[in-house]
PDB file of N, CA and C in Angstrom:
ATOM      1  N   MET A   1      87.596 119.666  38.821  1.00  0.00           N
ATOM      2  CA  MET A   1      86.933 120.904  38.486  1.00  0.00           C
ATOM      3  C   MET A   1      87.971 122.017  38.576  1.00  0.00           C
ATOM      4  N   SER A   2      88.025 122.821  37.553  1.00  0.00           N
ATOM      5  CA  SER A   2      88.974 123.933  37.560  1.00  0.00           C
ATOM      6  C   SER A   2      88.449 125.072  38.435  1.00  0.00           C
ATOM      7  N   VAL A   3      89.323 125.991  38.724  1.00  0.00           N
ATOM      8  CA  VAL A   3      88.938 127.155  39.523  1.00  0.00           C
ATOM      9  C   VAL A   3      87.857 127.951  38.801  1.00  0.00           C
ATOM     10  N   LEU A   4      87.987 128.086  37.488  1.00  0.00           N
ATOM     11  CA  LEU A   4      86.978 128.831  36.725  1.00  0.00           C
ATOM     12  C   LEU A   4      85.617 128.137  36.777  1.00  0.00           C
ATOM     13  N   GLU A   5      85.617 126.802  36.674  1.00  0.00           N
ATOM     14  CA  GLU A   5      84.362 126.057  36.759  1.00  0.00           C
ATOM     15  C   GLU A   5      83.747 126.177  38.149  1.00  0.00           C
ATOM     16  N   ALA A   6      84.576 126.096  39.165  1.00  0.00           N
ATOM     17  CA  ALA A   6      84.082 126.232  40.539  1.00  0.00           C
ATOM     18  C   ALA A   6      83.479 127.613  40.764  1.00  0.00           C
ATOM     19  N   LYS A   7      84.155 128.629  40.258  1.00  0.00           N
ATOM     20  CA  LYS A   7      83.651 129.994  40.412  1.00  0.00           C
ATOM     21  C   LYS A   7      82.323 130.161  39.684  1.00  0.00           C
ATOM     22  N   ALA A   8      82.232 129.614  38.478  1.00  0.00           N
ATOM     23  CA  ALA A   8      80.985 129.707  37.716  1.00  0.00           C
ATOM     24  C   ALA A   8      79.843 128.996  38.447  1.00  0.00           C
ATOM     25  N   THR A   9      80.145 127.856  39.055  1.00  0.00           N
ATOM     26  CA  THR A   9      79.137 127.106  39.805  1.00  0.00           C
ATOM     27  C   THR A   9      78.639 127.914  40.993  1.00  0.00           C
ATOM     28  N   LEU A  10      79.555 128.535  41.701  1.00  0.00           N
ATOM     29  CA  LEU A  10      79.174 129.348  42.858  1.00  0.00           C
ATOM     30  C   LEU A  10      78.327 130.548  42.460  1.00  0.00           C
ATOM     31  N   GLU A  11      78.558 131.071  41.270  1.00  0.00           N
ATOM     32  CA  GLU A  11      77.801 132.233  40.801  1.00  0.00           C
ATOM     33  C   GLU A  11      76.461 131.854  40.182  1.00  0.00           C
ATOM     34  N   ASP A  12      76.262 130.575  39.893  1.00  0.00           N
ATOM     35  CA  ASP A  12      75.017 130.101  39.282  1.00  0.00           C
ATOM     36  C   ASP A  12      73.934 130.009  40.355  1.00  0.00           C
ATOM     37  N   LYS A  13      73.001 130.925  40.324  1.00  0.00           N
ATOM     38  CA  LYS A  13      71.962 131.005  41.355  1.00  0.00           C
ATOM     39  C   LYS A  13      71.002 129.816  41.340  1.00  0.00           C
ATOM     40  N   ASN A  14      70.909 129.112  40.224  1.00  0.00           N
ATOM     41  CA  ASN A  14      69.972 127.994  40.106  1.00  0.00           C
ATOM     42  C   ASN A  14      70.630 126.625  40.275  1.00  0.00           C
ATOM     43  N   TYR A  15      71.934 126.590  40.490  1.00  0.00           N
ATOM     44  CA  TYR A  15      72.663 125.320  40.577  1.00  0.00           C
ATOM     45  C   TYR A  15      72.097 124.411  41.670  1.00  0.00           C
ATOM     46  N   VAL A  16      71.914 124.935  42.851  1.00  0.00           N
ATOM     47  CA  VAL A  16      71.450 124.115  43.968  1.00  0.00           C
ATOM     48  C   VAL A  16      70.055 123.569  43.694  1.00  0.00           C
ATOM     49  N   SER A  17      69.151 124.395  43.227  1.00  0.00           N
ATOM     50  CA  SER A  17      67.783 123.915  42.984  1.00  0.00           C
ATOM     51  C   SER A  17      67.758 122.891  41.852  1.00  0.00           C
ATOM     52  N   ARG A  18      68.549 123.089  40.798  1.00  0.00           N
ATOM     53  CA  ARG A  18      68.613 122.102  39.709  1.00  0.00           C
ATOM     54  C   ARG A  18      69.197 120.781  40.212  1.00  0.00           C
ATOM     55  N   THR A  19      70.240 120.861  41.025  1.00  0.00           N
ATOM     56  CA  THR A  19      70.873 119.659  41.568  1.00  0.00           C
ATOM     57  C   THR A  19      69.901 118.889  42.450  1.00  0.00           C
ATOM     58  N   ARG A  20      69.149 119.592  43.265  1.00  0.00           N
ATOM     59  CA  ARG A  20      68.159 118.934  44.125  1.00  0.00           C
ATOM     60  C   ARG A  20      67.095 118.217  43.310  1.00  0.00           C
ATOM     61  N   GLU A  21      66.666 118.813  42.227  1.00  0.00           N
ATOM     62  CA  GLU A  21      65.656 118.184  41.377  1.00  0.00           C
ATOM     63  C   GLU A  21      66.216 116.951  40.666  1.00  0.00           C
ATOM     64  N   VAL A  22      67.470 117.014  40.242  1.00  0.00           N
ATOM     65  CA  VAL A  22      68.108 115.842  39.623  1.00  0.00           C
ATOM     66  C   VAL A  22      68.183 114.705  40.642  1.00  0.00           C
ATOM     67  N   ILE A  23      68.633 115.018  41.843  1.00  0.00           N
ATOM     68  CA  ILE A  23      68.725 114.014  42.903  1.00  0.00           C
ATOM     69  C   ILE A  23      67.352 113.382  43.143  1.00  0.00           C
ATOM     70  N   ALA A  24      66.329 114.200  43.219  1.00  0.00           N
ATOM     71  CA  ALA A  24      64.977 113.690  43.480  1.00  0.00           C
ATOM     72  C   ALA A  24      64.540 112.714  42.388  1.00  0.00           C
ATOM     73  N   GLY A  25      64.805 113.035  41.149  1.00  0.00           N
ATOM     74  CA  GLY A  25      64.426 112.143  40.047  1.00  0.00           C
ATOM     75  C   GLY A  25      65.194 110.837  40.066  1.00  0.00           C
ATOM     76  N   VAL A  26      66.493 110.924  40.275  1.00  0.00           N
ATOM     77  CA  VAL A  26      67.338 109.726  40.318  1.00  0.00           C
ATOM     78  C   VAL A  26      66.950 108.857  41.512  1.00  0.00           C
ATOM     79  N   LYS A  27      66.690 109.488  42.643  1.00  0.00           N
ATOM     80  CA  LYS A  27      66.317 108.749  43.849  1.00  0.00           C
ATOM     81  C   LYS A  27      64.981 108.035  43.654  1.00  0.00           C
ATOM     82  N   THR A  28      64.047 108.658  42.970  1.00  0.00           N
ATOM     83  CA  THR A  28      62.758 108.029  42.701  1.00  0.00           C
ATOM     84  C   THR A  28      62.947 106.759  41.884  1.00  0.00           C
ATOM     85  N   VAL A  29      63.777 106.814  40.861  1.00  0.00           N
ATOM     86  CA  VAL A  29      64.057 105.630  40.037  1.00  0.00           C
ATOM     87  C   VAL A  29      64.683 104.534  40.897  1.00  0.00           C
ATOM     88  N   LEU A  30      65.641 104.902  41.733  1.00  0.00           N
ATOM     89  CA  LEU A  30      66.324 103.934  42.590  1.00  0.00           C
ATOM     90  C   LEU A  30      65.352 103.283  43.575  1.00  0.00           C
ATOM     91  N   ILE A  31      64.601 104.085  44.293  1.00  0.00           N
ATOM     92  CA  ILE A  31      63.684 103.560  45.312  1.00  0.00           C
ATOM     93  C   ILE A  31      62.599 102.693  44.681  1.00  0.00           C
ATOM     94  N   THR A  32      62.021 103.151  43.595  1.00  0.00           N
ATOM     95  CA  THR A  32      60.977 102.380  42.920  1.00  0.00           C
ATOM     96  C   THR A  32      61.510 101.021  42.493  1.00  0.00           C
ATOM     97  N   GLY A  33      62.708 101.009  41.932  1.00  0.00           N
ATOM     98  CA  GLY A  33      63.303  99.754  41.488  1.00  0.00           C
ATOM     99  C   GLY A  33      63.623  98.820  42.631  1.00  0.00           C
ATOM    100  N   LEU A  34      64.209  99.345  43.698  1.00  0.00           N
ATOM    101  CA  LEU A  34      64.557  98.499  44.847  1.00  0.00           C
ATOM    102  C   LEU A  34      63.309  97.932  45.510  1.00  0.00           C
ATOM    103  N   GLU A  35      62.294  98.752  45.674  1.00  0.00           N
ATOM    104  CA  GLU A  35      61.047  98.263  46.279  1.00  0.00           C
ATOM    105  C   GLU A  35      60.411  97.181  45.405  1.00  0.00           C
ATOM    106  N   ARG A  36      60.505  97.337  44.099  1.00  0.00           N
ATOM    107  CA  ARG A  36      59.937  96.356  43.166  1.00  0.00           C
ATOM    108  C   ARG A  36      60.572  94.974  43.342  1.00  0.00           C
ATOM    109  N   ILE A  37      61.858  94.925  43.744  1.00  0.00           N
ATOM    110  CA  ILE A  37      62.527  93.633  43.914  1.00  0.00           C
ATOM    111  C   ILE A  37      62.548  93.164  45.372  1.00  0.00           C
ATOM    112  N   GLY A  38      61.774  93.847  46.226  1.00  0.00           N
ATOM    113  CA  GLY A  38      61.606  93.391  47.600  1.00  0.00           C
ATOM    114  C   GLY A  38      62.518  94.009  48.636  1.00  0.00           C
ATOM    115  N   VAL A  39      63.175  95.097  48.282  1.00  0.00           N
ATOM    116  CA  VAL A  39      64.041  95.792  49.232  1.00  0.00           C
ATOM    117  C   VAL A  39      63.235  96.901  49.895  1.00  0.00           C
ATOM    118  N   GLY A  40      63.217  96.905  51.221  1.00  0.00           N
ATOM    119  CA  GLY A  40      62.541  97.975  51.949  1.00  0.00           C
ATOM    120  C   GLY A  40      63.408  99.220  51.985  1.00  0.00           C
ATOM    121  N   ILE A  41      62.786 100.367  51.970  1.00  0.00           N
ATOM    122  CA  ILE A  41      63.501 101.652  52.011  1.00  0.00           C
ATOM    123  C   ILE A  41      62.920 102.484  53.148  1.00  0.00           C
ATOM    124  N   LEU A  42      63.785 102.945  54.051  1.00  0.00           N
ATOM    125  CA  LEU A  42      63.326 103.832  55.116  1.00  0.00           C
ATOM    126  C   LEU A  42      63.056 105.212  54.530  1.00  0.00           C
ATOM    127  N   PRO A  43      62.080 105.937  55.066  1.00  0.00           N
ATOM    128  CA  PRO A  43      61.732 107.242  54.507  1.00  0.00           C
ATOM    129  C   PRO A  43      62.833 108.291  54.716  1.00  0.00           C
ATOM    130  N   THR A  44      63.123 109.017  53.670  1.00  0.00           N
ATOM    131  CA  THR A  44      63.994 110.199  53.708  1.00  0.00           C
ATOM    132  C   THR A  44      63.427 111.201  52.714  1.00  0.00           C
ATOM    133  N   HIS A  45      63.797 112.439  52.864  1.00  0.00           N
ATOM    134  CA  HIS A  45      63.343 113.466  51.928  1.00  0.00           C
ATOM    135  C   HIS A  45      63.855 113.121  50.536  1.00  0.00           C
ATOM    136  N   ARG A  46      63.048 113.374  49.534  1.00  0.00           N
ATOM    137  CA  ARG A  46      63.394 112.985  48.166  1.00  0.00           C
ATOM    138  C   ARG A  46      64.628 113.695  47.618  1.00  0.00           C
ATOM    139  N   GLN A  47      65.022 114.815  48.211  1.00  0.00           N
ATOM    140  CA  GLN A  47      66.192 115.534  47.720  1.00  0.00           C
ATOM    141  C   GLN A  47      67.470 115.214  48.491  1.00  0.00           C
ATOM    142  N   VAL A  48      67.386 114.306  49.457  1.00  0.00           N
ATOM    143  CA  VAL A  48      68.570 113.887  50.212  1.00  0.00           C
ATOM    144  C   VAL A  48      69.243 112.758  49.430  1.00  0.00           C
ATOM    145  N   PRO A  49      70.534 112.863  49.132  1.00  0.00           N
ATOM    146  CA  PRO A  49      71.178 111.901  48.229  1.00  0.00           C
ATOM    147  C   PRO A  49      71.601 110.580  48.873  1.00  0.00           C
ATOM    148  N   ILE A  50      70.919 110.163  49.923  1.00  0.00           N
ATOM    149  CA  ILE A  50      71.153 108.856  50.534  1.00  0.00           C
ATOM    150  C   ILE A  50      69.821 108.219  50.876  1.00  0.00           C
ATOM    151  N   SER A  51      69.848 106.897  51.012  1.00  0.00           N
ATOM    152  CA  SER A  51      68.690 106.141  51.484  1.00  0.00           C
ATOM    153  C   SER A  51      69.202 105.004  52.347  1.00  0.00           C
ATOM    154  N   VAL A  52      68.325 104.478  53.179  1.00  0.00           N
ATOM    155  CA  VAL A  52      68.649 103.275  53.943  1.00  0.00           C
ATOM    156  C   VAL A  52      67.770 102.158  53.404  1.00  0.00           C
ATOM    157  N   ALA A  53      68.431 101.098  52.933  1.00  0.00           N
ATOM    158  CA  ALA A  53      67.741  99.929  52.387  1.00  0.00           C
ATOM    159  C   ALA A  53      67.782  98.798  53.407  1.00  0.00           C
ATOM    160  N   HIS A  54      66.783  97.906  53.339  1.00  0.00           N
ATOM    161  CA  HIS A  54      66.663  96.837  54.334  1.00  0.00           C
ATOM    162  C   HIS A  54      66.027  95.601  53.713  1.00  0.00           C
ATOM    163  N   VAL A  55      66.651  94.464  53.983  1.00  0.00           N
ATOM    164  CA  VAL A  55      66.057  93.178  53.634  1.00  0.00           C
ATOM    165  C   VAL A  55      66.139  92.305  54.885  1.00  0.00           C
ATOM    166  N   PRO A  56      65.010  92.105  55.581  1.00  0.00           N
ATOM    167  CA  PRO A  56      65.026  91.329  56.822  1.00  0.00           C
ATOM    168  C   PRO A  56      65.621  89.938  56.607  1.00  0.00           C
ATOM    169  N   THR A  57      66.341  89.485  57.586  1.00  0.00           N
ATOM    170  CA  THR A  57      66.962  88.151  57.644  1.00  0.00           C
ATOM    171  C   THR A  57      68.080  87.936  56.619  1.00  0.00           C
ATOM    172  N   ARG A  58      68.494  88.958  55.904  1.00  0.00           N
ATOM    173  CA  ARG A  58      69.595  88.825  54.938  1.00  0.00           C
ATOM    174  C   ARG A  58      70.711  89.776  55.347  1.00  0.00           C
ATOM    175  N   ASN A  59      71.950  89.368  55.152  1.00  0.00           N
ATOM    176  CA  ASN A  59      73.075  90.261  55.378  1.00  0.00           C
ATOM    177  C   ASN A  59      73.260  91.062  54.087  1.00  0.00           C
ATOM    178  N   LEU A  60      72.468  92.097  53.967  1.00  0.00           N
ATOM    179  CA  LEU A  60      72.454  92.894  52.743  1.00  0.00           C
ATOM    180  C   LEU A  60      73.812  93.532  52.484  1.00  0.00           C
ATOM    181  N   PHE A  61      74.472  93.962  53.542  1.00  0.00           N
ATOM    182  CA  PHE A  61      75.801  94.555  53.384  1.00  0.00           C
ATOM    183  C   PHE A  61      76.751  93.565  52.707  1.00  0.00           C
ATOM    184  N   HIS A  62      76.795  92.343  53.181  1.00  0.00           N
ATOM    185  CA  HIS A  62      77.685  91.329  52.615  1.00  0.00           C
ATOM    186  C   HIS A  62      77.284  90.977  51.178  1.00  0.00           C
ATOM    187  N   LEU A  63      75.980  90.803  50.944  1.00  0.00           N
ATOM    188  CA  LEU A  63      75.514  90.461  49.598  1.00  0.00           C
ATOM    189  C   LEU A  63      75.912  91.522  48.573  1.00  0.00           C
ATOM    190  N   LEU A  64      75.724  92.781  48.933  1.00  0.00           N
ATOM    191  CA  LEU A  64      76.060  93.850  48.000  1.00  0.00           C
ATOM    192  C   LEU A  64      77.566  93.982  47.831  1.00  0.00           C
ATOM    193  N   ALA A  65      78.312  93.838  48.925  1.00  0.00           N
ATOM    194  CA  ALA A  65      79.772  93.908  48.840  1.00  0.00           C
ATOM    195  C   ALA A  65      80.309  92.811  47.933  1.00  0.00           C
ATOM    196  N   SER A  66      79.684  91.642  47.941  1.00  0.00           N
ATOM    197  CA  SER A  66      80.135  90.541  47.084  1.00  0.00           C
ATOM    198  C   SER A  66      79.983  90.866  45.602  1.00  0.00           C
ATOM    199  N   GLN A  67      79.156  91.854  45.298  1.00  0.00           N
ATOM    200  CA  GLN A  67      78.950  92.307  43.926  1.00  0.00           C
ATOM    201  C   GLN A  67      79.711  93.598  43.618  1.00  0.00           C
ATOM    202  N   GLY A  68      80.548  94.019  44.560  1.00  0.00           N
ATOM    203  CA  GLY A  68      81.323  95.248  44.369  1.00  0.00           C
ATOM    204  C   GLY A  68      80.507  96.513  44.583  1.00  0.00           C
ATOM    205  N   ILE A  69      79.356  96.389  45.230  1.00  0.00           N
ATOM    206  CA  ILE A  69      78.499  97.543  45.498  1.00  0.00           C
ATOM    207  C   ILE A  69      78.859  98.088  46.876  1.00  0.00           C
ATOM    208  N   LEU A  70      79.363  99.308  46.905  1.00  0.00           N
ATOM    209  CA  LEU A  70      79.800  99.921  48.154  1.00  0.00           C
ATOM    210  C   LEU A  70      78.620 100.587  48.859  1.00  0.00           C
ATOM    211  N   THR A  71      78.419 100.200  50.109  1.00  0.00           N
ATOM    212  CA  THR A  71      77.361 100.784  50.938  1.00  0.00           C
ATOM    213  C   THR A  71      77.914 100.982  52.339  1.00  0.00           C
ATOM    214  N   GLY A  72      77.141 101.624  53.174  1.00  0.00           N
ATOM    215  CA  GLY A  72      77.485 101.736  54.585  1.00  0.00           C
ATOM    216  C   GLY A  72      76.764 100.640  55.351  1.00  0.00           C
ATOM    217  N   ALA A  73      77.508  99.842  56.109  1.00  0.00           N
ATOM    218  CA  ALA A  73      76.916  98.746  56.883  1.00  0.00           C
ATOM    219  C   ALA A  73      75.990  99.295  57.955  1.00  0.00           C
ATOM    220  N   GLY A  74      74.808  98.719  58.058  1.00  0.00           N
ATOM    221  CA  GLY A  74      73.860  99.145  59.075  1.00  0.00           C
ATOM    222  C   GLY A  74      74.410  99.030  60.487  1.00  0.00           C
ATOM    223  N   SER A  75      75.229  98.010  60.728  1.00  0.00           N
ATOM    224  CA  SER A  75      75.772  97.811  62.076  1.00  0.00           C
ATOM    225  C   SER A  75      76.646  98.979  62.524  1.00  0.00           C
ATOM    226  N   SER A  76      77.170  99.734  61.597  1.00  0.00           N
ATOM    227  CA  SER A  76      78.003 100.881  61.980  1.00  0.00           C
ATOM    228  C   SER A  76      77.162 102.074  62.435  1.00  0.00           C
ATOM    229  N   TYR A  77      75.845 101.964  62.321  1.00  0.00           N
ATOM    230  CA  TYR A  77      74.939 103.043  62.733  1.00  0.00           C
ATOM    231  C   TYR A  77      74.156 102.684  63.997  1.00  0.00           C
ATOM    232  N   ARG A  78      74.587 101.665  64.722  1.00  0.00           N
ATOM    233  CA  ARG A  78      73.848 101.216  65.909  1.00  0.00           C
ATOM    234  C   ARG A  78      73.706 102.289  66.981  1.00  0.00           C
ATOM    235  N   LEU A  79      74.660 103.204  67.063  1.00  0.00           N
ATOM    236  CA  LEU A  79      74.526 104.278  68.052  1.00  0.00           C
ATOM    237  C   LEU A  79      73.334 105.175  67.727  1.00  0.00           C
ATOM    238  N   THR A  80      72.977 105.242  66.460  1.00  0.00           N
ATOM    239  CA  THR A  80      71.829 106.029  66.026  1.00  0.00           C
ATOM    240  C   THR A  80      70.518 105.302  66.296  1.00  0.00           C
ATOM    241  N   TYR A  81      70.526 103.997  66.000  1.00  0.00           N
ATOM    242  CA  TYR A  81      69.314 103.191  66.142  1.00  0.00           C
ATOM    243  C   TYR A  81      69.747 101.754  66.409  1.00  0.00           C
ATOM    244  N   GLU A  82      69.590 101.305  67.639  1.00  0.00           N
ATOM    245  CA  GLU A  82      70.148 100.023  68.081  1.00  0.00           C
ATOM    246  C   GLU A  82      69.758  98.817  67.216  1.00  0.00           C
ATOM    247  N   PRO A  83      68.522  98.722  66.702  1.00  0.00           N
ATOM    248  CA  PRO A  83      68.182  97.547  65.888  1.00  0.00           C
ATOM    249  C   PRO A  83      68.933  97.443  64.544  1.00  0.00           C
ATOM    250  N   PHE A  84      69.638  98.497  64.145  1.00  0.00           N
ATOM    251  CA  PHE A  84      70.375  98.406  62.879  1.00  0.00           C
ATOM    252  C   PHE A  84      71.395  97.276  62.943  1.00  0.00           C
ATOM    253  N   ASP A  85      71.349  96.421  61.946  1.00  0.00           N
ATOM    254  CA  ASP A  85      72.358  95.388  61.756  1.00  0.00           C
ATOM    255  C   ASP A  85      72.700  95.395  60.267  1.00  0.00           C
ATOM    256  N   ASP A  86      73.393  94.371  59.807  1.00  0.00           N
ATOM    257  CA  ASP A  86      73.825  94.403  58.413  1.00  0.00           C
ATOM    258  C   ASP A  86      72.752  93.958  57.418  1.00  0.00           C
ATOM    259  N   SER A  87      71.518  93.811  57.903  1.00  0.00           N
ATOM    260  CA  SER A  87      70.396  93.675  56.971  1.00  0.00           C
ATOM    261  C   SER A  87      69.972  95.062  56.479  1.00  0.00           C
ATOM    262  N   PHE A  88      70.515  96.104  57.091  1.00  0.00           N
ATOM    263  CA  PHE A  88      70.319  97.499  56.677  1.00  0.00           C
ATOM    264  C   PHE A  88      71.612  97.993  56.037  1.00  0.00           C
ATOM    265  N   VAL A  89      71.487  98.797  55.012  1.00  0.00           N
ATOM    266  CA  VAL A  89      72.652  99.456  54.417  1.00  0.00           C
ATOM    267  C   VAL A  89      72.303 100.893  54.051  1.00  0.00           C
ATOM    268  N   ARG A  90      73.299 101.738  54.106  1.00  0.00           N
ATOM    269  CA  ARG A  90      73.154 103.128  53.655  1.00  0.00           C
ATOM    270  C   ARG A  90      73.607 103.162  52.199  1.00  0.00           C
ATOM    271  N   VAL A  91      72.731 103.607  51.315  1.00  0.00           N
ATOM    272  CA  VAL A  91      72.997 103.634  49.880  1.00  0.00           C
ATOM    273  C   VAL A  91      73.073 105.075  49.414  1.00  0.00           C
ATOM    274  N   ARG A  92      74.118 105.397  48.686  1.00  0.00           N
ATOM    275  CA  ARG A  92      74.213 106.724  48.070  1.00  0.00           C
ATOM    276  C   ARG A  92      73.424 106.725  46.774  1.00  0.00           C
ATOM    277  N   VAL A  93      72.720 107.795  46.509  1.00  0.00           N
ATOM    278  CA  VAL A  93      71.968 107.921  45.267  1.00  0.00           C
ATOM    279  C   VAL A  93      72.970 108.124  44.126  1.00  0.00           C
ATOM    280  N   PRO A  94      72.889 107.280  43.086  1.00  0.00           N
ATOM    281  CA  PRO A  94      73.825 107.416  41.959  1.00  0.00           C
ATOM    282  C   PRO A  94      73.681 108.743  41.231  1.00  0.00           C
ATOM    283  N   ALA A  95      74.602 108.985  40.317  1.00  0.00           N
ATOM    284  CA  ALA A  95      74.665 110.260  39.607  1.00  0.00           C
ATOM    285  C   ALA A  95      73.535 110.463  38.606  1.00  0.00           C
ATOM    286  N   ASN A  96      72.978 109.363  38.080  1.00  0.00           N
ATOM    287  CA  ASN A  96      71.940 109.528  37.057  1.00  0.00           C
ATOM    288  C   ASN A  96      70.979 108.342  37.076  1.00  0.00           C
ATOM    289  N   GLU A  97      69.898 108.453  36.323  1.00  0.00           N
ATOM    290  CA  GLU A  97      68.856 107.435  36.321  1.00  0.00           C
ATOM    291  C   GLU A  97      69.342 106.113  35.738  1.00  0.00           C
ATOM    292  N   ASP A  98      70.175 106.156  34.704  1.00  0.00           N
ATOM    293  CA  ASP A  98      70.686 104.917  34.121  1.00  0.00           C
ATOM    294  C   ASP A  98      71.518 104.138  35.131  1.00  0.00           C
ATOM    295  N   THR A  99      72.335 104.826  35.894  1.00  0.00           N
ATOM    296  CA  THR A  99      73.149 104.167  36.913  1.00  0.00           C
ATOM    297  C   THR A  99      72.257 103.612  38.023  1.00  0.00           C
ATOM    298  N   SER A 100      71.167 104.298  38.339  1.00  0.00           N
ATOM    299  CA  SER A 100      70.204 103.781  39.323  1.00  0.00           C
ATOM    300  C   SER A 100      69.606 102.469  38.832  1.00  0.00           C
ATOM    301  N   ARG A 101      69.220 102.425  37.573  1.00  0.00           N
ATOM    302  CA  ARG A 101      68.642 101.195  37.013  1.00  0.00           C
ATOM    303  C   ARG A 101      69.669 100.059  37.023  1.00  0.00           C
ATOM    304  N   GLU A 102      70.913 100.375  36.695  1.00  0.00           N
ATOM    305  CA  GLU A 102      71.977  99.373  36.716  1.00  0.00           C
ATOM    306  C   GLU A 102      72.191  98.845  38.135  1.00  0.00           C
ATOM    307  N   LEU A 103      72.157  99.736  39.115  1.00  0.00           N
ATOM    308  CA  LEU A 103      72.319  99.326  40.506  1.00  0.00           C
ATOM    309  C   LEU A 103      71.203  98.375  40.927  1.00  0.00           C
ATOM    310  N   VAL A 104      69.976  98.696  40.574  1.00  0.00           N
ATOM    311  CA  VAL A 104      68.834  97.826  40.906  1.00  0.00           C
ATOM    312  C   VAL A 104      69.036  96.464  40.264  1.00  0.00           C
ATOM    313  N   GLU A 105      69.467  96.432  39.028  1.00  0.00           N
ATOM    314  CA  GLU A 105      69.701  95.149  38.335  1.00  0.00           C
ATOM    315  C   GLU A 105      70.769  94.333  39.059  1.00  0.00           C
ATOM    316  N   ARG A 106      71.843  94.973  39.477  1.00  0.00           N
ATOM    317  CA  ARG A 106      72.908  94.265  40.194  1.00  0.00           C
ATOM    318  C   ARG A 106      72.423  93.733  41.538  1.00  0.00           C
ATOM    319  N   VAL A 107      71.617  94.520  42.244  1.00  0.00           N
ATOM    320  CA  VAL A 107      71.070  94.065  43.525  1.00  0.00           C
ATOM    321  C   VAL A 107      70.140  92.877  43.306  1.00  0.00           C
ATOM    322  N   SER A 108      69.353  92.921  42.258  1.00  0.00           N
ATOM    323  CA  SER A 108      68.384  91.832  41.996  1.00  0.00           C
ATOM    324  C   SER A 108      69.093  90.494  41.780  1.00  0.00           C
ATOM    325  N   ARG A 109      70.322  90.524  41.331  1.00  0.00           N
ATOM    326  CA  ARG A 109      71.063  89.270  41.068  1.00  0.00           C
ATOM    327  C   ARG A 109      71.428  88.523  42.348  1.00  0.00           C
ATOM    328  N   VAL A 110      71.479  89.211  43.490  1.00  0.00           N
ATOM    329  CA  VAL A 110      71.904  88.545  44.727  1.00  0.00           C
ATOM    330  C   VAL A 110      70.769  88.317  45.718  1.00  0.00           C
ATOM    331  N   LEU A 111      69.580  88.748  45.388  1.00  0.00           N
ATOM    332  CA  LEU A 111      68.452  88.543  46.319  1.00  0.00           C
ATOM    333  C   LEU A 111      67.701  87.263  46.008  1.00  0.00           C
TER     334      LEU A 111
END
C-alpha cells in the first residue's frame, strides 16, 4: 500500500464499518460451510476475523497442515483454556467468500 493509499484509507470515515461488514459476510459463509461438514465452531462475534474450529477425537491441526492450510494449533492456547488440544484450531477468516468456500472444500477432503 502506498503512502497516498494509506492516507486515503485513514481519511475514509466508512472504511472500518465497511470492512467489518465484509468480514461478517465472509465469516458467515465460512462457519456455515464448516458446520455443514461436521466441524464445530466456538462462538465469536461475527465481525471478529478469527474463529476456533473443533473436531473431537481428530488432530485437526495436523490434518489441515497436511493440506497446506495454516492455522493456530489449539495446544498453543492451553494457558487460555486447559482442555484445548490439537483437535481445536484457530482459523483466520479469509479475504472473501470464494476463498471461504474453497477453504471449506479443502477441509472436507481430510475429514
